[in-house]
N, C-alpha and C. Protein backbone atom coordinates (compact mmCIF):
# COMPACT_ATOMS: atom_id res chain seq x y z
N MET A 1 0.85 -1.17 0.00
CA MET A 1 0.00 0.00 0.00
C MET A 1 0.90 1.24 0.00
N LEU A 2 0.50 2.21 -0.75
CA LEU A 2 1.23 3.47 -0.83
C LEU A 2 0.27 4.58 -0.44
N ARG A 3 0.71 5.38 0.50
CA ARG A 3 -0.10 6.54 0.90
C ARG A 3 0.66 7.79 0.57
N ILE A 4 -0.02 8.69 -0.09
CA ILE A 4 0.59 9.97 -0.44
C ILE A 4 -0.29 11.07 0.14
N ARG A 5 0.31 11.87 0.94
CA ARG A 5 -0.41 13.02 1.48
C ARG A 5 0.00 14.24 0.68
N MET A 6 -0.98 14.90 0.13
CA MET A 6 -0.70 16.09 -0.67
C MET A 6 -0.64 17.30 0.25
N LYS A 7 0.41 18.05 0.10
CA LYS A 7 0.61 19.23 0.93
C LYS A 7 0.25 20.47 0.13
N THR A 8 -0.47 21.37 0.75
CA THR A 8 -0.78 22.64 0.10
C THR A 8 0.43 23.54 0.26
N TRP A 9 0.94 24.02 -0.85
CA TRP A 9 2.15 24.83 -0.84
C TRP A 9 2.02 25.91 -1.88
N THR A 10 2.42 27.08 -1.52
CA THR A 10 2.40 28.20 -2.45
C THR A 10 3.82 28.72 -2.60
N GLY A 11 4.37 28.60 -3.79
CA GLY A 11 5.71 29.09 -4.05
C GLY A 11 5.64 30.24 -5.04
N ARG A 12 6.44 31.26 -4.77
CA ARG A 12 6.49 32.41 -5.67
C ARG A 12 7.93 32.79 -5.94
N CYS A 13 8.15 33.28 -7.11
CA CYS A 13 9.47 33.77 -7.47
C CYS A 13 9.70 35.11 -6.78
N PRO A 14 10.84 35.28 -6.10
CA PRO A 14 11.09 36.57 -5.44
C PRO A 14 11.29 37.71 -6.43
N ARG A 15 11.71 37.39 -7.65
CA ARG A 15 11.92 38.44 -8.65
C ARG A 15 10.67 38.71 -9.49
N HIS A 16 9.91 37.66 -9.73
CA HIS A 16 8.72 37.77 -10.58
C HIS A 16 7.52 37.16 -9.85
N PRO A 17 6.95 37.88 -8.89
CA PRO A 17 5.87 37.29 -8.09
C PRO A 17 4.59 37.00 -8.88
N ARG A 18 4.46 37.55 -10.08
CA ARG A 18 3.26 37.30 -10.88
C ARG A 18 3.43 36.13 -11.84
N TYR A 19 4.60 35.48 -11.83
CA TYR A 19 4.83 34.33 -12.71
C TYR A 19 3.99 33.15 -12.25
N ARG A 20 3.31 32.53 -13.23
CA ARG A 20 2.52 31.33 -12.95
C ARG A 20 3.07 30.20 -13.80
N PRO A 21 3.48 29.07 -13.19
CA PRO A 21 4.02 27.95 -13.96
C PRO A 21 3.02 27.38 -14.97
N VAL A 22 1.74 27.60 -14.75
CA VAL A 22 0.72 27.10 -15.67
C VAL A 22 0.89 27.75 -17.04
N ASP A 23 1.46 28.95 -17.07
CA ASP A 23 1.67 29.66 -18.34
C ASP A 23 2.80 29.06 -19.16
N GLY A 24 3.62 28.21 -18.54
CA GLY A 24 4.65 27.48 -19.27
C GLY A 24 5.97 28.19 -19.40
N LEU A 25 6.77 27.63 -20.27
CA LEU A 25 8.14 28.08 -20.46
C LEU A 25 8.23 29.50 -21.02
N GLY A 26 7.29 29.86 -21.86
CA GLY A 26 7.33 31.17 -22.49
C GLY A 26 7.14 32.33 -21.53
N ALA A 27 6.62 32.07 -20.36
CA ALA A 27 6.37 33.15 -19.41
C ALA A 27 7.58 33.44 -18.52
N ILE A 28 8.64 32.62 -18.62
CA ILE A 28 9.83 32.86 -17.81
C ILE A 28 10.60 34.02 -18.42
N LYS A 29 10.92 35.02 -17.60
CA LYS A 29 11.60 36.23 -18.07
C LYS A 29 13.09 36.14 -17.77
N GLY A 30 13.89 36.27 -18.79
CA GLY A 30 15.33 36.35 -18.62
C GLY A 30 15.98 35.10 -18.07
N GLY A 31 15.35 33.96 -18.20
CA GLY A 31 15.94 32.71 -17.70
C GLY A 31 16.08 32.68 -16.19
N CYS A 32 15.14 33.25 -15.49
CA CYS A 32 15.17 33.33 -14.02
C CYS A 32 15.22 31.92 -13.42
N ARG A 33 16.20 31.69 -12.55
CA ARG A 33 16.36 30.34 -11.98
C ARG A 33 15.22 29.97 -11.04
N TYR A 34 14.62 30.94 -10.39
CA TYR A 34 13.49 30.65 -9.49
C TYR A 34 12.25 30.26 -10.28
N CYS A 35 12.02 30.95 -11.38
CA CYS A 35 10.89 30.61 -12.24
C CYS A 35 11.08 29.22 -12.84
N TRP A 36 12.33 28.88 -13.21
CA TRP A 36 12.62 27.54 -13.73
C TRP A 36 12.32 26.48 -12.70
N LYS A 37 12.71 26.73 -11.45
CA LYS A 37 12.43 25.76 -10.37
C LYS A 37 10.93 25.59 -10.18
N LEU A 38 10.20 26.69 -10.19
CA LEU A 38 8.74 26.59 -10.05
C LEU A 38 8.13 25.80 -11.20
N LEU A 39 8.65 26.00 -12.41
CA LEU A 39 8.15 25.25 -13.56
C LEU A 39 8.44 23.76 -13.41
N LYS A 40 9.63 23.40 -12.94
CA LYS A 40 9.97 21.99 -12.73
C LYS A 40 9.08 21.36 -11.67
N ILE A 41 8.82 22.09 -10.58
CA ILE A 41 7.93 21.58 -9.53
C ILE A 41 6.53 21.36 -10.09
N HIS A 42 6.05 22.30 -10.88
CA HIS A 42 4.71 22.18 -11.47
C HIS A 42 4.64 20.98 -12.42
N GLN A 43 5.66 20.79 -13.24
CA GLN A 43 5.68 19.66 -14.17
C GLN A 43 5.71 18.33 -13.43
N ALA A 44 6.48 18.26 -12.34
CA ALA A 44 6.53 17.03 -11.54
C ALA A 44 5.18 16.75 -10.91
N TYR A 45 4.51 17.79 -10.44
CA TYR A 45 3.17 17.65 -9.86
C TYR A 45 2.18 17.13 -10.89
N GLU A 46 2.21 17.70 -12.09
CA GLU A 46 1.31 17.24 -13.16
C GLU A 46 1.60 15.79 -13.53
N THR A 47 2.87 15.42 -13.58
CA THR A 47 3.24 14.03 -13.89
C THR A 47 2.72 13.08 -12.82
N LEU A 48 2.86 13.46 -11.56
CA LEU A 48 2.36 12.64 -10.46
C LEU A 48 0.85 12.43 -10.57
N LEU A 49 0.12 13.49 -10.84
CA LEU A 49 -1.34 13.36 -10.98
C LEU A 49 -1.71 12.46 -12.15
N ASP A 50 -0.99 12.59 -13.26
CA ASP A 50 -1.26 11.73 -14.42
C ASP A 50 -1.01 10.26 -14.10
N GLU A 51 0.07 9.99 -13.36
CA GLU A 51 0.39 8.60 -13.00
C GLU A 51 -0.66 8.02 -12.05
N ILE A 52 -1.16 8.83 -11.13
CA ILE A 52 -2.19 8.37 -10.20
C ILE A 52 -3.46 8.02 -10.97
N VAL A 53 -3.84 8.87 -11.91
CA VAL A 53 -5.04 8.62 -12.71
C VAL A 53 -4.87 7.37 -13.57
N SER A 54 -3.70 7.20 -14.18
CA SER A 54 -3.50 6.02 -15.03
C SER A 54 -3.48 4.74 -14.20
N PHE A 55 -2.95 4.81 -12.97
CA PHE A 55 -2.97 3.64 -12.09
C PHE A 55 -4.41 3.30 -11.72
N ASP A 56 -5.20 4.30 -11.37
CA ASP A 56 -6.61 4.06 -11.04
C ASP A 56 -7.35 3.45 -12.22
N ASP A 57 -7.06 3.93 -13.43
CA ASP A 57 -7.70 3.38 -14.63
C ASP A 57 -7.30 1.92 -14.83
N ALA A 58 -6.03 1.61 -14.60
CA ALA A 58 -5.57 0.23 -14.78
C ALA A 58 -6.23 -0.70 -13.77
N ILE A 59 -6.38 -0.26 -12.54
CA ILE A 59 -7.04 -1.06 -11.52
C ILE A 59 -8.50 -1.28 -11.89
N TRP A 60 -9.16 -0.25 -12.40
CA TRP A 60 -10.57 -0.37 -12.79
C TRP A 60 -10.71 -1.38 -13.93
N GLU A 61 -9.82 -1.31 -14.92
CA GLU A 61 -9.89 -2.25 -16.04
C GLU A 61 -9.60 -3.67 -15.57
N ALA A 62 -8.68 -3.84 -14.63
CA ALA A 62 -8.36 -5.17 -14.13
C ALA A 62 -9.54 -5.76 -13.38
N SER A 63 -10.30 -4.93 -12.68
CA SER A 63 -11.45 -5.45 -11.94
C SER A 63 -12.55 -5.90 -12.90
N GLU A 64 -12.56 -5.37 -14.11
CA GLU A 64 -13.53 -5.78 -15.12
C GLU A 64 -13.08 -7.07 -15.82
N ASN A 65 -11.82 -7.41 -15.73
CA ASN A 65 -11.27 -8.58 -16.40
C ASN A 65 -11.63 -9.84 -15.61
N PRO A 66 -12.24 -10.84 -16.24
CA PRO A 66 -12.62 -12.07 -15.52
C PRO A 66 -11.44 -12.81 -14.91
N ALA A 67 -10.26 -12.71 -15.50
CA ALA A 67 -9.09 -13.39 -14.94
C ALA A 67 -8.71 -12.82 -13.59
N MET A 68 -8.95 -11.54 -13.37
CA MET A 68 -8.60 -10.92 -12.10
C MET A 68 -9.61 -11.27 -11.01
N ARG A 69 -10.76 -11.79 -11.37
CA ARG A 69 -11.77 -12.14 -10.38
C ARG A 69 -11.35 -13.34 -9.55
N LEU A 70 -10.34 -14.08 -10.01
CA LEU A 70 -9.85 -15.23 -9.25
C LEU A 70 -9.26 -14.79 -7.91
N TYR A 71 -8.81 -13.59 -7.85
CA TYR A 71 -8.16 -13.10 -6.64
C TYR A 71 -9.14 -12.51 -5.63
N ARG A 72 -10.39 -12.38 -6.02
CA ARG A 72 -11.39 -11.84 -5.10
C ARG A 72 -11.93 -12.96 -4.22
N PRO A 73 -12.21 -12.68 -2.97
CA PRO A 73 -12.78 -13.72 -2.11
C PRO A 73 -14.19 -14.08 -2.57
N ALA A 74 -14.52 -15.34 -2.43
CA ALA A 74 -15.85 -15.79 -2.82
C ALA A 74 -16.88 -15.32 -1.81
N PRO A 75 -18.10 -15.03 -2.25
CA PRO A 75 -19.13 -14.63 -1.30
C PRO A 75 -19.51 -15.78 -0.37
N PRO A 76 -19.97 -15.50 0.82
CA PRO A 76 -20.33 -16.57 1.76
C PRO A 76 -21.47 -17.41 1.21
N ARG A 77 -21.43 -18.71 1.46
CA ARG A 77 -22.47 -19.62 0.97
C ARG A 77 -23.54 -19.82 2.02
N GLY A 78 -24.70 -20.25 1.55
CA GLY A 78 -25.77 -20.64 2.46
C GLY A 78 -26.77 -19.55 2.76
N ARG A 79 -26.42 -18.34 2.49
CA ARG A 79 -27.38 -17.25 2.75
C ARG A 79 -27.69 -16.53 1.46
N ALA A 80 -28.95 -16.39 1.23
CA ALA A 80 -29.38 -15.65 0.04
C ALA A 80 -29.40 -14.17 0.39
N THR A 81 -28.88 -13.39 -0.51
CA THR A 81 -28.90 -11.93 -0.27
C THR A 81 -30.03 -11.32 -1.07
N ALA A 82 -30.68 -10.37 -0.49
CA ALA A 82 -31.81 -9.75 -1.17
C ALA A 82 -31.38 -8.56 -1.95
């Protein structure tokens, strides 16, 4: 099991406080190293979210696969469920 706790964090460039990493590479002025770091952090965050979503999708597809049902516990016998 893997648990990831997401931390709320606000980072700003000390030279360009209005820079937003969402605007991408073209918004970095003069090759500012702080803006570059913010962009790298943002890209890593986006990659992490994409990987989490793709893992969830793979698990969902596996649960639909009849071969994966072998690993699920069988329902209890003898009692009818309504």
